[in-house]
C-alpha atoms as a PDB file:
ATOM      1  CA  MET A   1     136.509  98.410  92.283  1.00  0.00           C
ATOM      2  CA  THR A   2     133.091  96.723  92.091  1.00  0.00           C
ATOM      3  CA  ILE A   3     131.582  99.358  94.391  1.00  0.00           C
ATOM      4  CA  LEU A   4     133.113 102.166  92.331  1.00  0.00           C
ATOM      5  CA  LEU A   5     131.751 100.695  89.089  1.00  0.00           C
ATOM      6  CA  GLY A   6     128.349 100.358  90.731  1.00  0.00           C
ATOM      7  CA  ILE A   7     128.379 104.022  91.737  1.00  0.00           C
ATOM      8  CA  ILE A   8     129.459 105.112  88.248  1.00  0.00           C
ATOM      9  CA  LEU A   9     126.760 102.965  86.639  1.00  0.00           C
ATOM     10  CA  ALA A  10     124.106 104.346  89.005  1.00  0.00           C
ATOM     11  CA  LEU A  11     125.138 107.928  88.185  1.00  0.00           C
ATOM     12  CA  LEU A  12     125.087 107.141  84.471  1.00  0.00           C
ATOM     13  CA  ILE A  13     121.590 105.637  84.639  1.00  0.00           C
ATOM     14  CA  PHE A  14     120.369 108.558  86.755  1.00  0.00           C
ATOM     15  CA  SER A  15     121.837 111.030  84.252  1.00  0.00           C
ATOM     16  CA  VAL A  16     120.119 109.298  81.319  1.00  0.00           C
ATOM     17  CA  ILE A  17     116.767 109.389  83.139  1.00  0.00           C
ATOM     18  CA  VAL A  18     117.176 113.079  84.013  1.00  0.00           C
ATOM     19  CA  PHE A  19     118.346 113.892  80.471  1.00  0.00           C
ATOM     20  CA  PHE A  20     115.161 112.479  78.933  1.00  0.00           C
ATOM     21  CA  HIS A  21     113.079 114.155  81.656  1.00  0.00           C
ATOM     22  CA  GLU A  22     114.578 117.561  80.881  1.00  0.00           C
ATOM     23  CA  LEU A  23     114.377 116.845  77.146  1.00  0.00           C
ATOM     24  CA  GLY A  24     110.611 116.537  77.581  1.00  0.00           C
ATOM     25  CA  HIS A  25     110.411 120.000  79.195  1.00  0.00           C
ATOM     26  CA  PHE A  26     112.749 121.407  76.543  1.00  0.00           C
ATOM     27  CA  SER A  27     110.888 120.032  73.513  1.00  0.00           C
ATOM     28  CA  MET A  28     107.469 121.230  74.706  1.00  0.00           C
ATOM     29  CA  ALA A  29     108.834 124.644  75.684  1.00  0.00           C
ATOM     30  CA  LYS A  30     110.234 125.034  72.177  1.00  0.00           C
ATOM     31  CA  ARG A  31     106.961 123.736  70.719  1.00  0.00           C
ATOM     32  CA  PHE A  32     104.893 126.427  72.466  1.00  0.00           C
ATOM     33  CA  GLY A  33     107.339 129.262  71.879  1.00  0.00           C
ATOM     34  CA  VAL A  34     108.743 129.533  75.405  1.00  0.00           C
ATOM     35  CA  LYS A  35     112.247 131.022  75.414  1.00  0.00           C
ATOM     36  CA  VAL A  36     114.788 128.476  76.686  1.00  0.00           C
ATOM     37  CA  ASP A  37     117.871 130.248  78.018  1.00  0.00           C
ATOM     38  CA  GLU A  38     119.951 127.122  78.599  1.00  0.00           C
ATOM     39  CA  PHE A  39     119.850 123.350  78.199  1.00  0.00           C
ATOM     40  CA  GLY A  40     122.616 121.881  80.326  1.00  0.00           C
ATOM     41  CA  ILE A  41     124.089 118.436  80.922  1.00  0.00           C
ATOM     42  CA  GLY A  42     125.332 118.097  84.492  1.00  0.00           C
ATOM     43  CA  ILE A  43     125.090 120.561  87.362  1.00  0.00           C
ATOM     44  CA  PRO A  44     126.769 124.023  87.215  1.00  0.00           C
ATOM     45  CA  PRO A  45     129.284 125.592  87.365  1.00  0.00           C
ATOM     46  CA  ARG A  46     129.510 125.541  83.593  1.00  0.00           C
ATOM     47  CA  ALA A  47     132.485 123.737  82.086  1.00  0.00           C
ATOM     48  CA  LYS A  48     131.873 124.520  78.421  1.00  0.00           C
ATOM     49  CA  GLN A  49     129.349 126.208  76.159  1.00  0.00           C
ATOM     50  CA  VAL A  50     128.917 123.681  73.372  1.00  0.00           C
ATOM     51  CA  TRP A  51     126.596 125.626  71.107  1.00  0.00           C
ATOM     52  CA  LYS A  52     124.152 128.513  70.921  1.00  0.00           C
ATOM     53  CA  ASP A  53     121.253 128.258  68.482  1.00  0.00           C
ATOM     54  CA  SER A  54     119.509 130.999  66.531  1.00  0.00           C
ATOM     55  CA  SER A  55     116.874 131.485  69.264  1.00  0.00           C
ATOM     56  CA  GLY A  56     119.572 132.203  71.841  1.00  0.00           C
ATOM     57  CA  THR A  57     119.433 128.867  73.674  1.00  0.00           C
ATOM     58  CA  VAL A  58     122.804 127.880  75.134  1.00  0.00           C
ATOM     59  CA  TYR A  59     123.714 124.167  75.166  1.00  0.00           C
ATOM     60  CA  SER A  60     126.267 123.508  77.884  1.00  0.00           C
ATOM     61  CA  LEU A  61     128.315 120.901  79.715  1.00  0.00           C
ATOM     62  CA  ASN A  62     128.747 121.382  83.457  1.00  0.00           C
ATOM     63  CA  TRP A  63     131.339 120.264  85.970  1.00  0.00           C
ATOM     64  CA  LEU A  64     129.181 117.962  88.098  1.00  0.00           C
ATOM     65  CA  PRO A  65     128.194 115.094  85.741  1.00  0.00           C
ATOM     66  CA  ILE A  66     124.894 114.341  87.460  1.00  0.00           C
ATOM     67  CA  GLY A  67     121.613 114.870  85.636  1.00  0.00           C
ATOM     68  CA  GLY A  68     120.932 118.091  83.810  1.00  0.00           C
ATOM     69  CA  PHE A  69     118.594 121.075  83.652  1.00  0.00           C
ATOM     70  CA  VAL A  70     116.494 123.341  81.436  1.00  0.00           C
ATOM     71  CA  LYS A  71     116.350 127.046  82.201  1.00  0.00           C
ATOM     72  CA  MET A  72     113.231 128.687  80.739  1.00  0.00           C
ATOM     73  CA  LYS A  73     112.189 132.319  80.772  1.00  0.00           C
ATOM     74  CA  GLY A  74     109.304 132.961  83.095  1.00  0.00           C
ATOM     75  CA  GLU A  75     109.680 129.961  85.394  1.00  0.00           C
ATOM     76  CA  GLU A  76     110.956 132.195  88.213  1.00  0.00           C
ATOM     77  CA  MET A  77     108.214 134.250  89.860  1.00  0.00           C
ATOM     78  CA  ASN A  78     110.449 137.316  90.359  1.00  0.00           C
ATOM     79  CA  GLU A  79     111.523 137.587  86.718  1.00  0.00           C
ATOM     80  CA  THR A  80     110.687 140.858  84.989  1.00  0.00           C
ATOM     81  CA  GLY A  81     108.776 140.898  81.722  1.00  0.00           C
ATOM     82  CA  ALA A  82     106.273 138.221  82.729  1.00  0.00           C
ATOM     83  CA  HIS A  83     103.919 139.460  80.035  1.00  0.00           C
ATOM     84  CA  ASP A  84     106.417 138.844  77.232  1.00  0.00           C
ATOM     85  CA  LYS A  85     105.069 136.294  74.747  1.00  0.00           C
ATOM     86  CA  ASP A  86     108.079 134.001  75.148  1.00  0.00           C
ATOM     87  CA  PHE A  87     107.679 133.732  78.942  1.00  0.00           C
ATOM     88  CA  LEU A  88     106.284 130.514  80.409  1.00  0.00           C
ATOM     89  CA  ALA A  89     103.983 132.537  82.676  1.00  0.00           C
ATOM     90  CA  HIS A  90     102.429 134.183  79.610  1.00  0.00           C
ATOM     91  CA  LYS A  91     101.230 130.862  78.146  1.00  0.00           C
ATOM     92  CA  ASN A  92      97.736 129.508  78.761  1.00  0.00           C
ATOM     93  CA  PHE A  93      97.004 126.855  81.376  1.00  0.00           C
ATOM     94  CA  LEU A  94      97.065 123.924  78.937  1.00  0.00           C
ATOM     95  CA  GLU A  95     100.421 124.927  77.443  1.00  0.00           C
ATOM     96  CA  GLN A  96     101.997 125.512  80.878  1.00  0.00           C
ATOM     97  CA  SER A  97     100.694 122.160  82.124  1.00  0.00           C
ATOM     98  CA  THR A  98     102.020 120.373  79.037  1.00  0.00           C
ATOM     99  CA  VAL A  99     105.497 121.884  79.476  1.00  0.00           C
ATOM    100  CA  ILE A 100     105.555 120.946  83.172  1.00  0.00           C
ATOM    101  CA  LEU A 101     104.237 117.385  82.685  1.00  0.00           C
ATOM    102  CA  ALA A 102     106.314 116.647  79.583  1.00  0.00           C
ATOM    103  CA  GLY A 103     109.264 115.489  81.689  1.00  0.00           C
ATOM    104  CA  VAL A 104     107.254 112.764  83.426  1.00  0.00           C
ATOM    105  CA  ILE A 105     105.638 111.713  80.138  1.00  0.00           C
ATOM    106  CA  MET A 106     109.077 111.424  78.526  1.00  0.00           C
ATOM    107  CA  ASN A 107     110.235 109.143  81.378  1.00  0.00           C
ATOM    108  CA  PHE A 108     107.223 106.878  80.815  1.00  0.00           C
ATOM    109  CA  PHE A 109     108.068 106.783  77.107  1.00  0.00           C
ATOM    110  CA  LEU A 110     111.693 105.886  77.906  1.00  0.00           C
ATOM    111  CA  ALA A 111     110.599 103.052  80.210  1.00  0.00           C
ATOM    112  CA  PHE A 112     108.181 101.754  77.549  1.00  0.00           C
ATOM    113  CA  LEU A 113     110.942 101.872  74.922  1.00  0.00           C
ATOM    114  CA  ILE A 114     113.432 100.004  77.126  1.00  0.00           C
ATOM    115  CA  PHE A 115     110.985  97.246  78.076  1.00  0.00           C
ATOM    116  CA  SER A 116     109.835  96.914  74.455  1.00  0.00           C
ATOM    117  CA  VAL A 117     113.427  96.378  73.324  1.00  0.00           C
ATOM    118  CA  LEU A 118     114.026  93.833  76.100  1.00  0.00           C
ATOM    119  CA  PHE A 119     110.825  92.016  75.139  1.00  0.00           C
ATOM    120  CA  MET A 120     111.780  91.842  71.452  1.00  0.00           C
ATOM    121  CA  VAL A 121     115.426  90.931  72.009  1.00  0.00           C
ATOM    122  CA  GLY A 122     114.826  88.647  74.959  1.00  0.00           C
ATOM    123  CA  VAL A 123     116.890  88.318  78.117  1.00  0.00           C
ATOM    124  CA  GLU A 124     118.305  85.272  79.858  1.00  0.00           C
ATOM    125  CA  PRO A 125     116.247  84.302  82.931  1.00  0.00           C
ATOM    126  CA  LEU A 126     118.022  84.930  86.211  1.00  0.00           C
ATOM    127  CA  GLY A 127     118.633  82.159  88.707  1.00  0.00           C
ATOM    128  CA  ILE A 128     118.086  79.169  86.445  1.00  0.00           C
ATOM    129  CA  ASN A 129     120.351  76.285  87.479  1.00  0.00           C
ATOM    130  CA  THR A 130     122.226  78.580  89.863  1.00  0.00           C
ATOM    131  CA  LYS A 131     123.517  77.595  93.301  1.00  0.00           C
ATOM    132  CA  PHE A 132     123.365  80.261  96.015  1.00  0.00           C
ATOM    133  CA  GLN A 133     125.771  80.259  98.941  1.00  0.00           C
ATOM    134  CA  THR A 134     123.287  79.922 101.803  1.00  0.00           C
ATOM    135  CA  SER A 135     122.809  77.500 104.664  1.00  0.00           C
ATOM    136  CA  THR A 136     120.582  75.481 102.329  1.00  0.00           C
ATOM    137  CA  GLU A 137     121.632  74.624  98.793  1.00  0.00           C
ATOM    138  CA  THR A 138     118.955  75.813  96.395  1.00  0.00           C
ATOM    139  CA  LYS A 139     118.366  75.018  92.750  1.00  0.00           C
ATOM    140  CA  LEU A 140     115.691  76.548  90.563  1.00  0.00           C
ATOM    141  CA  ILE A 141     114.113  74.207  88.021  1.00  0.00           C
ATOM    142  CA  PRO A 142     113.098  75.849  84.718  1.00  0.00           C
ATOM    143  CA  SER A 143     110.452  73.292  83.703  1.00  0.00           C
ATOM    144  CA  PHE A 144     108.408  70.283  84.770  1.00  0.00           C
ATOM    145  CA  ASP A 145     110.256  68.083  82.265  1.00  0.00           C
ATOM    146  CA  GLU A 146     113.563  69.061  83.885  1.00  0.00           C
ATOM    147  CA  ALA A 147     112.173  68.156  87.326  1.00  0.00           C
ATOM    148  CA  VAL A 148     111.189  64.727  86.001  1.00  0.00           C
ATOM    149  CA  ARG A 149     114.551  64.241  84.285  1.00  0.00           C
ATOM    150  CA  ILE A 150     116.599  64.873  87.444  1.00  0.00           C
ATOM    151  CA  GLY A 151     114.277  62.813  89.647  1.00  0.00           C
ATOM    152  CA  LEU A 152     112.635  65.532  91.749  1.00  0.00           C
ATOM    153  CA  VAL A 153     109.235  64.465  90.433  1.00  0.00           C
ATOM    154  CA  LYS A 154     108.236  60.878  89.698  1.00  0.00           C
ATOM    155  CA  THR A 155     105.437  60.045  87.262  1.00  0.00           C
ATOM    156  CA  ASP A 156     103.623  56.908  86.167  1.00  0.00           C
ATOM    157  CA  GLY A 157     101.827  57.231  82.863  1.00  0.00           C
ATOM    158  CA  ILE A 158      99.627  59.919  81.380  1.00  0.00           C
ATOM    159  CA  ILE A 159      96.459  61.009  83.203  1.00  0.00           C
ATOM    160  CA  LEU A 160      93.350  62.142  81.297  1.00  0.00           C
ATOM    161  CA  SER A 161      90.343  64.261  82.227  1.00  0.00           C
ATOM    162  CA  PRO A 162      87.622  64.645  79.550  1.00  0.00           C
ATOM    163  CA  LEU A 163      85.722  67.895  79.047  1.00  0.00           C
ATOM    164  CA  THR A 164      81.983  67.778  79.638  1.00  0.00           C
ATOM    165  CA  GLY A 165      80.158  66.875  76.439  1.00  0.00           C
ATOM    166  CA  SER A 166      83.379  66.203  74.542  1.00  0.00           C
ATOM    167  CA  ILE A 167      84.152  63.373  72.132  1.00  0.00           C
ATOM    168  CA  ALA A 168      86.352  61.786  74.799  1.00  0.00           C
ATOM    169  CA  GLU A 169      83.555  61.770  77.395  1.00  0.00           C
ATOM    170  CA  LYS A 170      80.981  60.449  74.927  1.00  0.00           C
ATOM    171  CA  SER A 171      83.417  57.661  74.017  1.00  0.00           C
ATOM    172  CA  GLY A 172      83.574  56.518  77.652  1.00  0.00           C
ATOM    173  CA  LEU A 173      86.729  58.225  78.914  1.00  0.00           C
ATOM    174  CA  LEU A 174      86.559  58.908  82.667  1.00  0.00           C
ATOM    175  CA  ASP A 175      88.216  61.531  84.799  1.00  0.00           C
ATOM    176  CA  GLY A 176      91.488  60.088  86.147  1.00  0.00           C
ATOM    177  CA  ASP A 177      91.940  57.393  83.518  1.00  0.00           C
ATOM    178  CA  ILE A 178      95.609  56.529  82.953  1.00  0.00           C
ATOM    179  CA  LEU A 179      96.571  56.273  79.285  1.00  0.00           C
ATOM    180  CA  LEU A 180      98.648  53.190  78.549  1.00  0.00           C
ATOM    181  CA  SER A 181      98.745  53.138  74.755  1.00  0.00           C
ATOM    182  CA  ILE A 182      97.148  54.366  71.530  1.00  0.00           C
ATOM    183  CA  ASP A 183      96.713  51.866  68.713  1.00  0.00           C
ATOM    184  CA  GLY A 184      99.021  49.493  70.580  1.00  0.00           C
ATOM    185  CA  LYS A 185     101.878  51.999  70.918  1.00  0.00           C
ATOM    186  CA  THR A 186     102.987  53.111  74.396  1.00  0.00           C
ATOM    187  CA  ILE A 187     102.559  56.844  75.064  1.00  0.00           C
ATOM    188  CA  LEU A 188     105.379  58.296  77.167  1.00  0.00           C
ATOM    189  CA  SER A 189     104.407  61.962  77.451  1.00  0.00           C
ATOM    190  CA  PRO A 190     101.428  64.325  77.011  1.00  0.00           C
ATOM    191  CA  GLU A 191     103.192  65.769  73.966  1.00  0.00           C
ATOM    192  CA  ASP A 192     103.307  62.310  72.355  1.00  0.00           C
ATOM    193  CA  MET A 193      99.564  61.874  72.802  1.00  0.00           C
ATOM    194  CA  ILE A 194      98.712  65.360  71.504  1.00  0.00           C
ATOM    195  CA  MET A 195     100.866  64.860  68.421  1.00  0.00           C
ATOM    196  CA  LYS A 196      99.380  61.427  67.711  1.00  0.00           C
ATOM    197  CA  VAL A 197      95.800  62.695  68.034  1.00  0.00           C
ATOM    198  CA  LYS A 198      96.524  65.704  65.799  1.00  0.00           C
ATOM    199  CA  GLN A 199      97.847  63.446  63.061  1.00  0.00           C
ATOM    200  CA  SER A 200      94.860  61.083  63.096  1.00  0.00           C
ATOM    201  CA  THR A 201      91.577  61.430  61.191  1.00  0.00           C
ATOM    202  CA  THR A 202      90.262  57.920  61.858  1.00  0.00           C
ATOM    203  CA  VAL A 203      89.108  55.949  64.887  1.00  0.00           C
ATOM    204  CA  MET A 204      91.834  55.336  67.496  1.00  0.00           C
ATOM    205  CA  ASN A 205      92.163  52.587  70.120  1.00  0.00           C
ATOM    206  CA  PHE A 206      92.845  54.146  73.547  1.00  0.00           C
ATOM    207  CA  THR A 207      93.942  51.606  76.145  1.00  0.00           C
ATOM    208  CA  VAL A 208      93.433  53.085  79.609  1.00  0.00           C
ATOM    209  CA  GLN A 209      93.752  51.924  83.189  1.00  0.00           C
ATOM    210  CA  TRP A 210      91.207  52.815  85.855  1.00  0.00           C
ATOM    211  CA  SER A 211      90.229  51.604  89.307  1.00  0.00           C
ATOM    212  CA  GLY A 212      88.293  48.706  87.793  1.00  0.00           C
ATOM    213  CA  GLY A 213      91.088  47.445  85.578  1.00  0.00           C
ATOM    214  CA  ILE A 214      92.121  48.009  81.947  1.00  0.00           C
ATOM    215  CA  ARG A 215      89.773  48.772  79.073  1.00  0.00           C
ATOM    216  CA  THR A 216      89.982  49.885  75.439  1.00  0.00           C
ATOM    217  CA  LEU A 217      88.013  52.833  74.046  1.00  0.00           C
ATOM    218  CA  LEU A 218      87.341  53.719  70.421  1.00  0.00           C
ATOM    219  CA  ILE A 219      87.737  57.486  69.953  1.00  0.00           C
ATOM    220  CA  THR A 220      87.620  59.408  66.665  1.00  0.00           C
ATOM    221  CA  PRO A 221      89.279  62.861  66.820  1.00  0.00           C
ATOM    222  CA  GLU A 222      87.647  65.932  65.285  1.00  0.00           C
ATOM    223  CA  ASP A 223      89.979  68.618  63.914  1.00  0.00           C
ATOM    224  CA  GLY A 224      92.862  66.880  65.678  1.00  0.00           C
ATOM    225  CA  LYS A 225      91.221  66.977  69.130  1.00  0.00           C
ATOM    226  CA  ILE A 226      89.274  64.652  71.410  1.00  0.00           C
ATOM    227  CA  GLY A 227      88.388  67.170  74.146  1.00  0.00           C
ATOM    228  CA  SER A 228      90.401  66.040  77.156  1.00  0.00           C
ATOM    229  CA  TYR A 229      92.916  67.498  79.545  1.00  0.00           C
ATOM    230  CA  VAL A 230      96.171  65.558  79.528  1.00  0.00           C
ATOM    231  CA  GLY A 231      99.126  65.599  81.895  1.00  0.00           C
ATOM    232  CA  HIS A 232     101.721  63.555  83.756  1.00  0.00           C
ATOM    233  CA  ASN A 233     100.365  61.256  86.452  1.00  0.00           C
ATOM    234  CA  VAL A 234     102.519  62.493  89.350  1.00  0.00           C
ATOM    235  CA  THR A 235     103.146  59.820  91.968  1.00  0.00           C
ATOM    236  CA  GLU A 236     105.889  61.404  94.074  1.00  0.00           C
ATOM    237  CA  ILE A 237     107.504  64.805  94.663  1.00  0.00           C
ATOM    238  CA  ARG A 238     110.833  64.858  96.466  1.00  0.00           C
ATOM    239  CA  LYS A 239     111.116  67.542  99.146  1.00  0.00           C
ATOM    240  CA  ASP A 240     114.720  66.947 100.180  1.00  0.00           C
END
């Protein structure tokens, strides 16, 4: 049943793609005055003539529900009346090229539309927290915080790295300093530090640990920033 549904779905998707492709040819042919004899869904033989418009175009459903087609006057080299104004062969090079390329352009437009909708609506990521039946059990971790929470990554404090010429560097912060506390309060995550700095407009006491011991720095943020990279001080990554 799963295989059958897969085949049906594949045929349906293929038919939608072909429909928009042929719709591109059809719309440009109509735009430039090319006579369209038939616009069909599926592959002949014809099952039903659905409608016939005032220009004589037949809209049909066909027995083989795969794709579709557009039959235009003048697309066959052996057709008589090639000089008739409603023949494709009678149109200038630009108009003929537009009619021929319109199918591909329409497919690009369809792809753009689909991906735009997916981007706006959002889709669930595949493989997150999913176990695959293989010789090795695998688990995908969606974020660094999740890796820390389940013990795959071990950290010890917050590591800092000041930007050249920044407030942090001018205040004495060194690359690799481990942040212990700000104004006497322990900082547990980079987010905690960023939030605390953003909320401060006065001098702050940064207690940091370095190879020579522990020291306290006085740093005054500007516009909620001190000019330093901040991240978890990773001490161990489990590979089992």
